[in-house]
Each structure stands twice: as structure tokens, then as C-alpha cells.
């Protein structure tokens, strides 16, 4: 859920997600991102050099979740 909440705010690199979710290990984060990709909720895009990294975004399928994710983010902030 935390990954989806972060990606709802916009695209993130892996390192940005690690910073945003400090209690998750790199291995677990990788596993969760791969599972979300397989489920069709997250997409991974490659950035060409000089940035040369991957960014993660919500997939089209996950756009239906945006109102719920916005509500959860608002609740979390309050």
C-alpha cells in the first residue's frame, strides 16, 4: 500500500522509494515492486543516459485506485 501511495504522487526511482519507505529492505521492496508489476498496477520505465535508471509509475489499471489512494493519503496526513 505504501508503494502505491508514493507512486500516486508521481513517478519515483527505486532510491526515492527506499527513502520514502525507510522500514522496508531493498530485497522486499524489489519483490513488492515486481509483484505489483505482474499484477498490472505498476510500470517500470528505463531512463536513458545520463540518468540511466528505472522509474516506477502507476499503471493505467491503477488509475481507478487514485480516488481511494488520495483519500488514504489525506487521512494519513491528518
Protein backbone atom coordinates (compact mmCIF):
# COMPACT_ATOMS: atom_id res chain seq x y z
CA UNK A 1 0.00 0.00 0.00
CA UNK A 2 2.83 2.42 0.83
CA UNK A 3 4.36 1.88 -2.60
CA UNK A 4 1.06 2.69 -4.30
CA UNK A 5 0.63 5.77 -2.12
CA UNK A 6 4.09 7.02 -3.08
CA UNK A 7 3.55 6.36 -6.78
CA UNK A 8 0.17 8.07 -6.65
CA UNK A 9 2.09 11.31 -6.04
CA UNK A 10 4.17 10.76 -9.19
CA UNK A 11 6.98 8.70 -10.63
CA UNK A 12 9.77 7.57 -8.31
CA UNK A 13 13.14 5.95 -8.74
CA UNK A 14 13.97 2.92 -6.63
CA UNK A 15 16.20 5.00 -4.34
CA UNK A 16 13.38 7.53 -3.86
CA UNK A 17 11.04 4.74 -2.81
CA UNK A 18 13.66 3.43 -0.37
CA UNK A 19 13.88 6.89 1.17
CA UNK A 20 10.10 7.31 1.31
CA UNK A 21 9.60 3.89 2.91
CA UNK A 22 12.58 3.57 5.28
CA UNK A 23 11.49 0.43 7.15
CA UNK A 24 11.48 -1.82 4.08
CA UNK A 25 14.63 -3.60 2.94
CA UNK A 26 15.83 -3.38 -0.65
CA UNK A 27 15.03 -7.06 -1.25
CA UNK A 28 11.46 -6.75 -0.01
CA UNK A 29 10.90 -3.54 -1.96
CA UNK A 30 12.17 -5.24 -5.12
CA UNK A 31 9.87 -8.22 -4.55
CA UNK A 32 6.85 -6.00 -3.92
CA UNK A 33 7.54 -3.86 -7.00
CA UNK A 34 7.85 -6.98 -9.16
CA UNK A 35 4.59 -8.35 -7.75
CA UNK A 36 2.82 -5.05 -8.43
CA UNK A 37 4.23 -5.08 -11.98
CA UNK A 38 2.93 -8.61 -12.55
CA UNK A 39 -0.47 -7.55 -11.21
CA UNK A 40 -0.52 -4.68 -13.70
CA UNK A 41 -0.63 -1.92 -11.08
CA UNK A 42 2.91 -0.55 -11.53
CA UNK A 43 5.00 0.12 -14.62
CA UNK A 44 8.78 0.40 -14.78
CA UNK A 45 10.39 2.67 -17.36
CA UNK A 46 14.05 2.98 -18.24
CA UNK A 47 15.59 6.44 -18.37
CA UNK A 48 18.39 6.79 -20.94
CA UNK A 49 21.83 8.16 -20.03
CA UNK A 50 22.97 10.35 -18.38
CA UNK A 51 20.29 9.45 -15.80
CA UNK A 52 20.34 5.74 -16.70
CA UNK A 53 17.96 4.38 -14.12
CA UNK A 54 14.48 2.97 -13.80
CA UNK A 55 11.46 4.92 -12.68
CA UNK A 56 8.24 3.43 -11.40
CA UNK A 57 4.77 4.82 -12.08
CA UNK A 58 1.20 3.73 -11.53
CA UNK A 59 -0.07 1.73 -14.48
CA UNK A 60 -3.26 2.56 -16.34
CA UNK A 61 -5.08 -0.17 -14.43
CA UNK A 62 -4.22 1.55 -11.14
CA UNK A 63 -5.72 4.89 -12.18
CA UNK A 64 -9.09 3.61 -10.93
CA UNK A 65 -7.49 3.46 -7.47
CA UNK A 66 -6.48 7.14 -7.48
CA UNK A 67 -9.55 8.44 -5.58
CA UNK A 68 -9.05 5.83 -2.88
CA UNK A 69 -5.31 6.46 -2.71
CA UNK A 70 -5.93 10.22 -2.47
CA UNK A 71 -8.36 9.64 0.39
CA UNK A 72 -5.87 7.40 2.21
CA UNK A 73 -3.06 9.92 1.71
CA UNK A 74 -5.28 12.66 3.12
CA UNK A 75 -6.22 10.53 6.10
CA UNK A 76 -2.57 9.66 6.69
CA UNK A 77 -1.56 13.34 6.59
CA UNK A 78 -4.29 14.29 9.06
